[in-house]
Amino acid sequence: DATKSIVIDPWSSPTAFTGYNGAYEVDFDAQGNTLVYGGTYPWQVVKFNSTGVQQWMFTCNAFNPSWSYYFGDFAVDPVSGSSYMTEGINTGIGGQIIKVNTAGTLVLVFAGNPQLEETWRVVYNACTSRLVIAGGGVTNTNQACFIDTGLTSGFAAFNVCSTNEIAHDMCFLALDNTNSCFMGT
């Protein structure tokens, strides 16, 4: 409608991530907040309110510094506002997951599971209230998993490729409105 205005970028706000001041992932919640994940190790999440005012910054210190140069991913539960950050790779124990509440306070750390060593992409599944993670492995052939948002139960890793080979890393992940999951290597 040519009689109405369109606002594409209602605000702009600088971030101050550690090391490299760059953003790698952006997500939002149902309250109109925007969350940005970036920097260098230890990775950080910044929350901005709907007017672009920074609310908090959380630093992912729980991740293993041995694999510090591998960025994972993050997702936001739009209803609860909780954020979930994944560790790109952690051989031996598996990629860890950090849960942060709406105030930027650490709630839980999933210590990892050796069935999924790499966690490159994560999305929140509103239909099942679980996280869907696409990753890979250095010594294990699984490329994906599901886990509940409490990070305490429901972990199920599986192989999505037609062959049982290591190093089939997932780099794309999407869910559609019918609860189907799509991953690509």
Protein backbone atom coordinates (compact mmCIF):
# COMPACT_ATOMS: atom_id res chain seq x y z
CA ASP A 1 0.00 0.00 0.00
CA ALA A 2 1.77 3.12 -1.28
CA THR A 3 -0.08 5.33 1.23
CA LYS A 4 1.63 3.69 4.24
CA SER A 5 5.18 3.94 5.55
CA ILE A 6 7.46 0.95 5.96
CA VAL A 7 10.12 1.03 8.67
CA ILE A 8 12.85 -1.48 7.84
CA ASP A 9 15.43 -0.57 10.47
CA PRO A 10 13.78 1.13 13.44
CA TRP A 11 17.03 1.31 15.43
CA SER A 12 20.71 0.66 15.22
CA SER A 13 22.98 -0.03 18.16
CA PRO A 14 26.70 -0.73 18.38
CA THR A 15 27.95 -3.84 20.16
CA ALA A 16 31.24 -4.28 21.96
CA PHE A 17 32.03 -7.97 21.62
CA THR A 18 35.33 -9.33 22.96
CA GLY A 19 38.11 -9.50 20.39
CA TYR A 20 36.52 -9.34 16.97
CA ASN A 21 33.47 -7.08 17.21
CA GLY A 22 31.29 -9.05 14.81
CA ALA A 23 27.91 -10.72 15.02
CA TYR A 24 27.39 -14.28 13.73
CA GLU A 25 23.77 -14.95 14.61
CA VAL A 26 20.65 -12.91 15.44
CA ASP A 27 17.37 -14.10 16.97
CA PHE A 28 14.39 -12.53 18.74
CA ASP A 29 11.71 -13.26 21.31
CA ALA A 30 7.95 -12.63 21.41
CA GLN A 31 8.44 -9.52 23.58
CA GLY A 32 10.23 -7.69 20.75
CA ASN A 33 13.77 -8.13 22.09
CA THR A 34 16.65 -8.86 19.72
CA LEU A 35 19.55 -11.09 20.74
CA VAL A 36 22.90 -11.13 18.96
CA TYR A 37 25.63 -13.80 19.30
CA GLY A 38 29.20 -13.01 18.31
CA GLY A 39 32.71 -11.87 19.19
CA THR A 40 35.60 -14.27 19.67
CA TYR A 41 36.19 -16.80 22.41
CA PRO A 42 34.67 -16.60 24.92
CA TRP A 43 31.62 -15.95 22.71
CA GLN A 44 29.01 -13.46 23.89
CA VAL A 45 25.27 -12.82 23.60
CA VAL A 46 23.86 -9.30 23.77
CA LYS A 47 20.17 -8.55 24.37
CA PHE A 48 18.57 -5.35 23.04
CA ASN A 49 15.01 -4.26 23.82
CA SER A 50 12.56 -3.20 21.11
CA THR A 51 14.03 0.33 20.99
CA GLY A 52 17.63 -0.87 20.62
CA VAL A 53 18.77 -0.26 24.19
CA GLN A 54 21.23 -2.90 25.39
CA GLN A 55 19.81 -4.88 28.32
CA TRP A 56 22.75 -7.19 29.10
CA MET A 57 25.72 -9.08 27.72
CA PHE A 58 26.46 -12.71 28.65
CA THR A 59 29.89 -14.30 28.15
CA CYS A 60 30.03 -18.06 27.40
CA ASN A 61 32.90 -18.90 29.77
CA ALA A 62 31.70 -22.50 30.24
CA PHE A 63 32.88 -23.58 26.79
CA ASN A 64 36.15 -25.50 26.45
CA PRO A 65 39.02 -23.13 25.55
CA SER A 66 40.80 -25.99 23.73
CA TRP A 67 38.29 -25.57 20.88
CA SER A 68 37.89 -21.81 21.33
CA TYR A 69 38.14 -20.86 17.67
CA TYR A 70 35.06 -22.89 16.65
CA PHE A 71 31.87 -20.89 16.94
CA GLY A 72 28.71 -22.96 17.45
CA ASP A 73 25.25 -21.38 17.24
CA PHE A 74 22.42 -20.06 19.37
CA ALA A 75 18.63 -20.02 19.47
CA VAL A 76 15.96 -18.26 21.51
CA ASP A 77 12.74 -19.74 22.87
CA PRO A 78 10.46 -16.88 21.79
CA VAL A 79 7.89 -17.45 24.54
CA SER A 80 10.10 -17.92 27.62
CA GLY A 81 12.87 -15.68 26.24
CA SER A 82 15.56 -18.19 27.25
CA SER A 83 18.67 -18.34 25.05
CA TYR A 84 20.67 -21.47 24.18
CA MET A 85 24.28 -21.30 22.99
CA THR A 86 26.09 -24.33 21.56
CA GLU A 87 29.80 -25.08 21.51
CA GLY A 88 31.05 -25.72 17.97
CA ILE A 89 33.17 -28.76 18.85
CA ASN A 90 34.33 -30.59 21.93
CA THR A 91 35.78 -34.04 21.30
CA GLY A 92 35.55 -36.57 24.08
CA ILE A 93 32.61 -35.10 26.00
CA GLY A 94 30.56 -33.65 23.13
CA GLY A 95 29.44 -30.10 22.39
CA GLN A 96 28.18 -28.28 25.44
CA ILE A 97 25.00 -26.17 25.59
CA ILE A 98 24.49 -23.09 27.77
CA LYS A 99 21.04 -21.86 28.83
CA VAL A 100 20.58 -18.21 29.86
CA ASN A 101 17.35 -16.66 31.19
CA THR A 102 15.74 -13.36 30.14
CA ALA A 103 17.92 -11.44 32.61
CA GLY A 104 21.15 -12.79 31.08
CA THR A 105 21.83 -15.09 34.02
CA LEU A 106 23.31 -18.55 33.52
CA VAL A 107 20.64 -21.18 34.26
CA LEU A 108 22.17 -24.47 33.08
CA VAL A 109 25.13 -25.97 31.29
CA PHE A 110 24.65 -29.25 29.43
CA ALA A 111 28.03 -30.90 29.84
CA GLY A 112 27.87 -32.54 26.41
CA ASN A 113 27.36 -36.07 25.16
CA PRO A 114 30.07 -37.94 23.22
CA GLN A 115 27.41 -39.16 20.77
CA LEU A 116 27.45 -35.65 19.23
CA GLU A 117 30.87 -33.97 19.38
CA GLU A 118 30.02 -31.02 17.14
CA THR A 119 27.02 -28.69 17.47
CA TRP A 120 27.09 -26.28 14.51
CA ARG A 121 23.43 -25.24 14.28
CA VAL A 122 20.53 -25.10 16.74
CA VAL A 123 16.85 -24.13 16.46
CA TYR A 124 14.08 -24.07 19.02
CA ASN A 125 11.16 -26.31 18.04
CA ALA A 126 7.97 -24.64 19.30
CA CYS A 127 5.89 -27.76 18.50
CA THR A 128 7.88 -30.06 20.80
CA SER A 129 9.54 -27.52 23.14
CA ARG A 130 12.90 -29.08 22.34
CA LEU A 131 16.11 -27.94 20.75
CA VAL A 132 17.07 -29.47 17.42
CA ILE A 133 20.81 -29.49 16.89
CA ALA A 134 22.72 -30.19 13.67
CA GLY A 135 26.39 -30.99 14.02
CA GLY A 136 28.80 -33.79 13.30
CA GLY A 137 31.63 -35.73 14.76
CA VAL A 138 35.33 -36.35 14.68
CA THR A 139 35.08 -39.91 16.05
CA ASN A 140 31.30 -40.49 16.03
CA THR A 141 29.01 -40.84 12.99
CA ASN A 142 26.00 -38.94 14.44
CA GLN A 143 25.11 -35.56 12.94
CA ALA A 144 22.06 -34.40 14.90
CA CYS A 145 20.22 -34.57 18.19
CA PHE A 146 17.16 -33.46 20.11
CA ILE A 147 17.24 -32.28 23.72
CA ASP A 148 14.65 -30.78 26.07
CA THR A 149 14.95 -27.12 27.07
CA GLY A 150 15.81 -28.14 30.64
CA LEU A 151 18.99 -29.70 29.17
CA THR A 152 18.48 -32.67 31.48
CA SER A 153 16.60 -35.31 29.50
CA GLY A 154 15.50 -36.31 26.07
CA PHE A 155 18.97 -36.24 24.50
CA ALA A 156 18.79 -38.43 21.40
CA ALA A 157 21.59 -38.35 18.83
CA PHE A 158 21.18 -39.91 15.40
CA ASN A 159 22.81 -40.34 12.02
CA VAL A 160 21.04 -38.45 9.22
CA CYS A 161 23.38 -39.42 6.36
CA SER A 162 23.05 -42.51 4.23
CA THR A 163 26.53 -43.68 5.27
CA ASN A 164 28.07 -44.22 8.68
CA GLU A 165 31.15 -42.09 8.17
CA ILE A 166 32.70 -39.45 10.38
CA ALA A 167 33.11 -35.83 9.24
CA HIS A 168 29.67 -35.43 7.66
CA ASP A 169 29.10 -32.09 9.35
CA MET A 170 25.75 -30.33 9.08
CA CYS A 171 25.95 -26.65 8.14
CA PHE A 172 22.27 -25.92 7.41
CA LEU A 173 19.24 -26.46 9.65
CA ALA A 174 15.63 -25.37 9.29
CA LEU A 175 12.21 -26.37 10.62
CA ASP A 176 8.97 -25.82 8.76
CA ASN A 177 5.44 -25.26 10.07
CA THR A 178 4.63 -28.99 9.87
CA ASN A 179 7.48 -29.85 12.30
CA SER A 180 9.67 -31.30 9.55
CA CYS A 181 13.39 -30.75 9.92
CA PHE A 182 15.77 -30.07 7.05
CA MET A 183 19.57 -30.37 7.33
CA GLY A 184 22.37 -30.08 4.83
CA THR A 185 26.06 -30.91 4.79
